[in-house]
Amino acid sequence: MRELAGRFEVGLWYEYVWVGMWVNQYEVFCGGGGVVNGVELDQPQCRTVDECVRQILEDYKNEVERLRTV
């Protein structure tokens, strides 16, 4: 994410969810990903930093376009 920090406001998000019932209830890490300019993105599936940056930017672009049409 540092590669994007010079041009975008970036961060990370994650969440925990409660699963089970009553005494057998557990808090489980459910997922996370990046945040670019306030838009939450899924965790990128990539192998290199450059590939991750490209994937995050592409996901951000697609999400912004989707939000414009809503």
PDB file of N, CA and C in Angstrom:
ATOM      1  N   MET A   1       0.816  -1.191   0.000  1.00  0.00           N
ATOM      2  CA  MET A   1       0.000   0.000   0.000  1.00  0.00           C
ATOM      3  C   MET A   1       0.867   1.265   0.000  1.00  0.00           C
ATOM      4  N   ARG A   2       2.107   1.157   0.456  1.00  0.00           N
ATOM      5  CA  ARG A   2       2.974   2.342   0.462  1.00  0.00           C
ATOM      6  C   ARG A   2       3.175   2.889  -0.937  1.00  0.00           C
ATOM      7  N   GLU A   3       3.172   2.016  -1.946  1.00  0.00           N
ATOM      8  CA  GLU A   3       3.370   2.447  -3.328  1.00  0.00           C
ATOM      9  C   GLU A   3       2.250   3.379  -3.776  1.00  0.00           C
ATOM     10  N   LEU A   4       1.056   3.235  -3.194  1.00  0.00           N
ATOM     11  CA  LEU A   4      -0.085   4.060  -3.579  1.00  0.00           C
ATOM     12  C   LEU A   4      -0.214   5.312  -2.724  1.00  0.00           C
ATOM     13  N   ALA A   5       0.454   5.347  -1.574  1.00  0.00           N
ATOM     14  CA  ALA A   5       0.241   6.403  -0.592  1.00  0.00           C
ATOM     15  C   ALA A   5       0.601   7.796  -1.115  1.00  0.00           C
ATOM     16  N   GLY A   6       1.508   7.894  -2.046  1.00  0.00           N
ATOM     17  CA  GLY A   6       1.869   9.199  -2.578  1.00  0.00           C
ATOM     18  C   GLY A   6       0.800   9.821  -3.444  1.00  0.00           C
ATOM     19  N   ARG A   7      -0.063   9.018  -4.035  1.00  0.00           N
ATOM     20  CA  ARG A   7      -1.074   9.522  -4.967  1.00  0.00           C
ATOM     21  C   ARG A   7      -2.495   9.373  -4.464  1.00  0.00           C
ATOM     22  N   PHE A   8      -2.731   8.464  -3.518  1.00  0.00           N
ATOM     23  CA  PHE A   8      -4.077   8.187  -3.043  1.00  0.00           C
ATOM     24  C   PHE A   8      -4.087   8.123  -1.520  1.00  0.00           C
ATOM     25  N   GLU A   9      -5.262   8.315  -0.932  1.00  0.00           N
ATOM     26  CA  GLU A   9      -5.436   8.064   0.487  1.00  0.00           C
ATOM     27  C   GLU A   9      -5.716   6.569   0.620  1.00  0.00           C
ATOM     28  N   VAL A  10      -4.813   5.842   1.260  1.00  0.00           N
ATOM     29  CA  VAL A  10      -4.926   4.382   1.295  1.00  0.00           C
ATOM     30  C   VAL A  10      -4.914   3.866   2.731  1.00  0.00           C
ATOM     31  N   GLY A  11      -5.462   2.676   2.901  1.00  0.00           N
ATOM     32  CA  GLY A  11      -5.467   2.015   4.198  1.00  0.00           C
ATOM     33  C   GLY A  11      -5.887   0.574   4.036  1.00  0.00           C
ATOM     34  N   LEU A  12      -6.140  -0.079   5.151  1.00  0.00           N
ATOM     35  CA  LEU A  12      -6.573  -1.472   5.148  1.00  0.00           C
ATOM     36  C   LEU A  12      -7.851  -1.601   5.956  1.00  0.00           C
ATOM     37  N   TRP A  13      -8.665  -2.573   5.614  1.00  0.00           N
ATOM     38  CA  TRP A  13      -9.849  -2.879   6.411  1.00  0.00           C
ATOM     39  C   TRP A  13      -9.861  -4.371   6.684  1.00  0.00           C
ATOM     40  N   TYR A  14     -10.493  -4.746   7.769  1.00  0.00           N
ATOM     41  CA  TYR A  14     -10.668  -6.150   8.106  1.00  0.00           C
ATOM     42  C   TYR A  14     -11.876  -6.248   9.023  1.00  0.00           C
ATOM     43  N   GLU A  15     -12.397  -7.436   9.162  1.00  0.00           N
ATOM     44  CA  GLU A  15     -13.539  -7.612  10.040  1.00  0.00           C
ATOM     45  C   GLU A  15     -13.505  -8.973  10.711  1.00  0.00           C
ATOM     46  N   TYR A  16     -14.080  -9.001  11.880  1.00  0.00           N
ATOM     47  CA  TYR A  16     -14.277 -10.239  12.617  1.00  0.00           C
ATOM     48  C   TYR A  16     -15.772 -10.479  12.711  1.00  0.00           C
ATOM     49  N   VAL A  17     -16.195 -11.715  12.672  1.00  0.00           N
ATOM     50  CA  VAL A  17     -17.610 -12.055  12.839  1.00  0.00           C
ATOM     51  C   VAL A  17     -17.745 -13.096  13.936  1.00  0.00           C
ATOM     52  N   TRP A  18     -18.886 -13.088  14.576  1.00  0.00           N
ATOM     53  CA  TRP A  18     -19.179 -14.086  15.602  1.00  0.00           C
ATOM     54  C   TRP A  18     -19.846 -15.280  14.936  1.00  0.00           C
ATOM     55  N   VAL A  19     -19.359 -16.482  15.201  1.00  0.00           N
ATOM     56  CA  VAL A  19     -19.959 -17.705  14.669  1.00  0.00           C
ATOM     57  C   VAL A  19     -20.282 -18.627  15.836  1.00  0.00           C
ATOM     58  N   GLY A  20     -21.241 -19.486  15.626  1.00  0.00           N
ATOM     59  CA  GLY A  20     -21.637 -20.423  16.677  1.00  0.00           C
ATOM     60  C   GLY A  20     -22.784 -19.874  17.502  1.00  0.00           C
ATOM     61  N   MET A  21     -23.145 -20.635  18.527  1.00  0.00           N
ATOM     62  CA  MET A  21     -24.259 -20.227  19.376  1.00  0.00           C
ATOM     63  C   MET A  21     -23.909 -20.454  20.839  1.00  0.00           C
ATOM     64  N   TRP A  22     -24.484 -19.618  21.672  1.00  0.00           N
ATOM     65  CA  TRP A  22     -24.382 -19.721  23.116  1.00  0.00           C
ATOM     66  C   TRP A  22     -22.936 -19.815  23.602  1.00  0.00           C
ATOM     67  N   VAL A  23     -22.596 -20.866  24.299  1.00  0.00           N
ATOM     68  CA  VAL A  23     -21.250 -21.012  24.867  1.00  0.00           C
ATOM     69  C   VAL A  23     -20.222 -21.276  23.776  1.00  0.00           C
ATOM     70  N   ASN A  24     -20.626 -21.877  22.672  1.00  0.00           N
ATOM     71  CA  ASN A  24     -19.719 -22.226  21.583  1.00  0.00           C
ATOM     72  C   ASN A  24     -19.651 -21.116  20.524  1.00  0.00           C
ATOM     73  N   GLN A  25     -19.609 -19.877  20.963  1.00  0.00           N
ATOM     74  CA  GLN A  25     -19.538 -18.757  20.034  1.00  0.00           C
ATOM     75  C   GLN A  25     -18.096 -18.245  19.991  1.00  0.00           C
ATOM     76  N   TYR A  26     -17.592 -18.029  18.779  1.00  0.00           N
ATOM     77  CA  TYR A  26     -16.202 -17.613  18.596  1.00  0.00           C
ATOM     78  C   TYR A  26     -16.140 -16.420  17.655  1.00  0.00           C
ATOM     79  N   GLU A  27     -15.158 -15.556  17.907  1.00  0.00           N
ATOM     80  CA  GLU A  27     -14.894 -14.451  17.004  1.00  0.00           C
ATOM     81  C   GLU A  27     -13.867 -14.931  15.976  1.00  0.00           C
ATOM     82  N   VAL A  28     -14.208 -14.834  14.699  1.00  0.00           N
ATOM     83  CA  VAL A  28     -13.365 -15.376  13.633  1.00  0.00           C
ATOM     84  C   VAL A  28     -13.012 -14.259  12.656  1.00  0.00           C
ATOM     85  N   PHE A  29     -11.736 -14.196  12.270  1.00  0.00           N
ATOM     86  CA  PHE A  29     -11.307 -13.251  11.246  1.00  0.00           C
ATOM     87  C   PHE A  29     -11.955 -13.645   9.933  1.00  0.00           C
ATOM     88  N   CYS A  30     -12.663 -12.701   9.321  1.00  0.00           N
ATOM     89  CA  CYS A  30     -13.480 -13.031   8.153  1.00  0.00           C
ATOM     90  C   CYS A  30     -12.867 -12.569   6.842  1.00  0.00           C
ATOM     91  N   GLY A  31     -12.123 -11.529   6.857  1.00  0.00           N
ATOM     92  CA  GLY A  31     -11.553 -11.058   5.603  1.00  0.00           C
ATOM     93  C   GLY A  31     -11.097  -9.627   5.714  1.00  0.00           C
ATOM     94  N   GLY A  32     -10.642  -9.113   4.624  1.00  0.00           N
ATOM     95  CA  GLY A  32     -10.173  -7.739   4.601  1.00  0.00           C
ATOM     96  C   GLY A  32      -9.665  -7.379   3.231  1.00  0.00           C
ATOM     97  N   GLY A  33      -9.098  -6.222   3.156  1.00  0.00           N
ATOM     98  CA  GLY A  33      -8.571  -5.764   1.886  1.00  0.00           C
ATOM     99  C   GLY A  33      -8.085  -4.343   2.017  1.00  0.00           C
ATOM    100  N   GLY A  34      -7.946  -3.698   0.894  1.00  0.00           N
ATOM    101  CA  GLY A  34      -7.463  -2.328   0.883  1.00  0.00           C
ATOM    102  C   GLY A  34      -8.595  -1.327   0.856  1.00  0.00           C
ATOM    103  N   VAL A  35      -8.254  -0.094   1.208  1.00  0.00           N
ATOM    104  CA  VAL A  35      -9.169   1.038   1.098  1.00  0.00           C
ATOM    105  C   VAL A  35      -8.429   2.109   0.318  1.00  0.00           C
ATOM    106  N   VAL A  36      -9.033   2.572  -0.775  1.00  0.00           N
ATOM    107  CA  VAL A  36      -8.451   3.637  -1.575  1.00  0.00           C
ATOM    108  C   VAL A  36      -9.471   4.770  -1.636  1.00  0.00           C
ATOM    109  N   ASN A  37      -9.086   5.939  -1.136  1.00  0.00           N
ATOM    110  CA  ASN A  37      -9.975   7.108  -1.112  1.00  0.00           C
ATOM    111  C   ASN A  37     -11.337   6.776  -0.512  1.00  0.00           C
ATOM    112  N   GLY A  38     -11.352   5.977   0.534  1.00  0.00           N
ATOM    113  CA  GLY A  38     -12.593   5.632   1.235  1.00  0.00           C
ATOM    114  C   GLY A  38     -13.380   4.492   0.630  1.00  0.00           C
ATOM    115  N   VAL A  39     -12.921   3.914  -0.473  1.00  0.00           N
ATOM    116  CA  VAL A  39     -13.622   2.810  -1.137  1.00  0.00           C
ATOM    117  C   VAL A  39     -12.995   1.501  -0.684  1.00  0.00           C
ATOM    118  N   GLU A  40     -13.797   0.653  -0.017  1.00  0.00           N
ATOM    119  CA  GLU A  40     -13.295  -0.645   0.450  1.00  0.00           C
ATOM    120  C   GLU A  40     -13.188  -1.619  -0.713  1.00  0.00           C
ATOM    121  N   LEU A  41     -12.045  -2.260  -0.837  1.00  0.00           N
ATOM    122  CA  LEU A  41     -11.790  -3.218  -1.907  1.00  0.00           C
ATOM    123  C   LEU A  41     -11.479  -4.571  -1.293  1.00  0.00           C
ATOM    124  N   ASP A  42     -11.777  -5.614  -2.039  1.00  0.00           N
ATOM    125  CA  ASP A  42     -11.433  -6.961  -1.584  1.00  0.00           C
ATOM    126  C   ASP A  42      -9.919  -7.129  -1.599  1.00  0.00           C
ATOM    127  N   GLN A  43      -9.467  -8.143  -0.880  1.00  0.00           N
ATOM    128  CA  GLN A  43      -8.035  -8.435  -0.847  1.00  0.00           C
ATOM    129  C   GLN A  43      -7.585  -8.870  -2.237  1.00  0.00           C
ATOM    130  N   PRO A  44      -6.539  -8.235  -2.785  1.00  0.00           N
ATOM    131  CA  PRO A  44      -6.089  -8.619  -4.127  1.00  0.00           C
ATOM    132  C   PRO A  44      -5.417  -9.988  -4.113  1.00  0.00           C
ATOM    133  N   GLN A  45      -5.562 -10.711  -5.196  1.00  0.00           N
ATOM    134  CA  GLN A  45      -4.902 -12.002  -5.367  1.00  0.00           C
ATOM    135  C   GLN A  45      -3.737 -11.778  -6.319  1.00  0.00           C
ATOM    136  N   CYS A  46      -2.524 -11.645  -5.762  1.00  0.00           N
ATOM    137  CA  CYS A  46      -1.366 -11.323  -6.585  1.00  0.00           C
ATOM    138  C   CYS A  46      -0.109 -11.888  -5.949  1.00  0.00           C
ATOM    139  N   ARG A  47       0.977 -11.883  -6.720  1.00  0.00           N
ATOM    140  CA  ARG A  47       2.248 -12.451  -6.252  1.00  0.00           C
ATOM    141  C   ARG A  47       3.324 -11.413  -6.025  1.00  0.00           C
ATOM    142  N   THR A  48       3.283 -10.315  -6.760  1.00  0.00           N
ATOM    143  CA  THR A  48       4.321  -9.296  -6.626  1.00  0.00           C
ATOM    144  C   THR A  48       3.684  -7.969  -6.217  1.00  0.00           C
ATOM    145  N   VAL A  49       4.496  -7.060  -5.717  1.00  0.00           N
ATOM    146  CA  VAL A  49       3.992  -5.745  -5.313  1.00  0.00           C
ATOM    147  C   VAL A  49       3.415  -5.008  -6.513  1.00  0.00           C
ATOM    148  N   ASP A  50       4.126  -5.021  -7.631  1.00  0.00           N
ATOM    149  CA  ASP A  50       3.633  -4.334  -8.825  1.00  0.00           C
ATOM    150  C   ASP A  50       2.288  -4.889  -9.266  1.00  0.00           C
ATOM    151  N   GLU A  51       2.156  -6.198  -9.225  1.00  0.00           N
ATOM    152  CA  GLU A  51       0.895  -6.841  -9.610  1.00  0.00           C
ATOM    153  C   GLU A  51      -0.228  -6.429  -8.652  1.00  0.00           C
ATOM    154  N   CYS A  52       0.082  -6.352  -7.360  1.00  0.00           N
ATOM    155  CA  CYS A  52      -0.915  -5.943  -6.369  1.00  0.00           C
ATOM    156  C   CYS A  52      -1.345  -4.498  -6.587  1.00  0.00           C
ATOM    157  N   VAL A  53      -0.392  -3.614  -6.871  1.00  0.00           N
ATOM    158  CA  VAL A  53      -0.729  -2.211  -7.109  1.00  0.00           C
ATOM    159  C   VAL A  53      -1.640  -2.092  -8.314  1.00  0.00           C
ATOM    160  N   ARG A  54      -1.309  -2.789  -9.398  1.00  0.00           N
ATOM    161  CA  ARG A  54      -2.152  -2.751 -10.595  1.00  0.00           C
ATOM    162  C   ARG A  54      -3.553  -3.285 -10.291  1.00  0.00           C
ATOM    163  N   GLN A  55      -3.634  -4.385  -9.539  1.00  0.00           N
ATOM    164  CA  GLN A  55      -4.924  -4.989  -9.199  1.00  0.00           C
ATOM    165  C   GLN A  55      -5.759  -4.052  -8.327  1.00  0.00           C
ATOM    166  N   ILE A  56      -5.131  -3.421  -7.333  1.00  0.00           N
ATOM    167  CA  ILE A  56      -5.845  -2.500  -6.452  1.00  0.00           C
ATOM    168  C   ILE A  56      -6.375  -1.307  -7.244  1.00  0.00           C
ATOM    169  N   LEU A  57      -5.540  -0.746  -8.127  1.00  0.00           N
ATOM    170  CA  LEU A  57      -5.987   0.388  -8.939  1.00  0.00           C
ATOM    171  C   LEU A  57      -7.115   0.000  -9.880  1.00  0.00           C
ATOM    172  N   GLU A  58      -7.034  -1.173 -10.460  1.00  0.00           N
ATOM    173  CA  GLU A  58      -8.098  -1.649 -11.353  1.00  0.00           C
ATOM    174  C   GLU A  58      -9.393  -1.874 -10.573  1.00  0.00           C
ATOM    175  N   ASP A  59      -9.291  -2.494  -9.402  1.00  0.00           N
ATOM    176  CA  ASP A  59     -10.479  -2.711  -8.563  1.00  0.00           C
ATOM    177  C   ASP A  59     -11.094  -1.384  -8.139  1.00  0.00           C
ATOM    178  N   TYR A  60     -10.241  -0.429  -7.776  1.00  0.00           N
ATOM    179  CA  TYR A  60     -10.728   0.895  -7.377  1.00  0.00           C
ATOM    180  C   TYR A  60     -11.466   1.563  -8.538  1.00  0.00           C
ATOM    181  N   LYS A  61     -10.873   1.549  -9.714  1.00  0.00           N
ATOM    182  CA  LYS A  61     -11.489   2.149 -10.895  1.00  0.00           C
ATOM    183  C   LYS A  61     -12.848   1.512 -11.177  1.00  0.00           C
ATOM    184  N   ASN A  62     -12.911   0.183 -11.117  1.00  0.00           N
ATOM    185  CA  ASN A  62     -14.175  -0.518 -11.375  1.00  0.00           C
ATOM    186  C   ASN A  62     -15.228  -0.189 -10.332  1.00  0.00           C
ATOM    187  N   GLU A  63     -14.828  -0.095  -9.072  1.00  0.00           N
ATOM    188  CA  GLU A  63     -15.781   0.207  -7.999  1.00  0.00           C
ATOM    189  C   GLU A  63     -16.299   1.637  -8.111  1.00  0.00           C
ATOM    190  N   VAL A  64     -15.424   2.581  -8.428  1.00  0.00           N
ATOM    191  CA  VAL A  64     -15.864   3.974  -8.607  1.00  0.00           C
ATOM    192  C   VAL A  64     -16.834   4.067  -9.774  1.00  0.00           C
ATOM    193  N   GLU A  65     -16.557   3.385 -10.864  1.00  0.00           N
ATOM    194  CA  GLU A  65     -17.470   3.394 -12.017  1.00  0.00           C
ATOM    195  C   GLU A  65     -18.815   2.776 -11.637  1.00  0.00           C
ATOM    196  N   ARG A  66     -18.783   1.689 -10.847  1.00  0.00           N
ATOM    197  CA  ARG A  66     -20.018   1.039 -10.423  1.00  0.00           C
ATOM    198  C   ARG A  66     -20.844   1.982  -9.543  1.00  0.00           C
ATOM    199  N   LEU A  67     -20.167   2.695  -8.629  1.00  0.00           N
ATOM    200  CA  LEU A  67     -20.869   3.608  -7.728  1.00  0.00           C
ATOM    201  C   LEU A  67     -21.488   4.782  -8.491  1.00  0.00           C
ATOM    202  N   ARG A  68     -20.869   5.192  -9.572  1.00  0.00           N
ATOM    203  CA  ARG A  68     -21.422   6.296 -10.388  1.00  0.00           C
ATOM    204  C   ARG A  68     -22.722   5.897 -11.060  1.00  0.00           C
ATOM    205  N   THR A  69     -22.873   4.621 -11.392  1.00  0.00           N
ATOM    206  CA  THR A  69     -24.072   4.164 -12.094  1.00  0.00           C
ATOM    207  C   THR A  69     -25.225   3.832 -11.163  1.00  0.00           C
ATOM    208  N   VAL A  70     -24.951   3.776  -9.865  1.00  0.00           N
ATOM    209  CA  VAL A  70     -26.006   3.416  -8.894  1.00  0.00           C
ATOM    210  C   VAL A  70     -26.867   4.589  -8.580  1.00  0.00           C
TER     211      VAL A  70
END
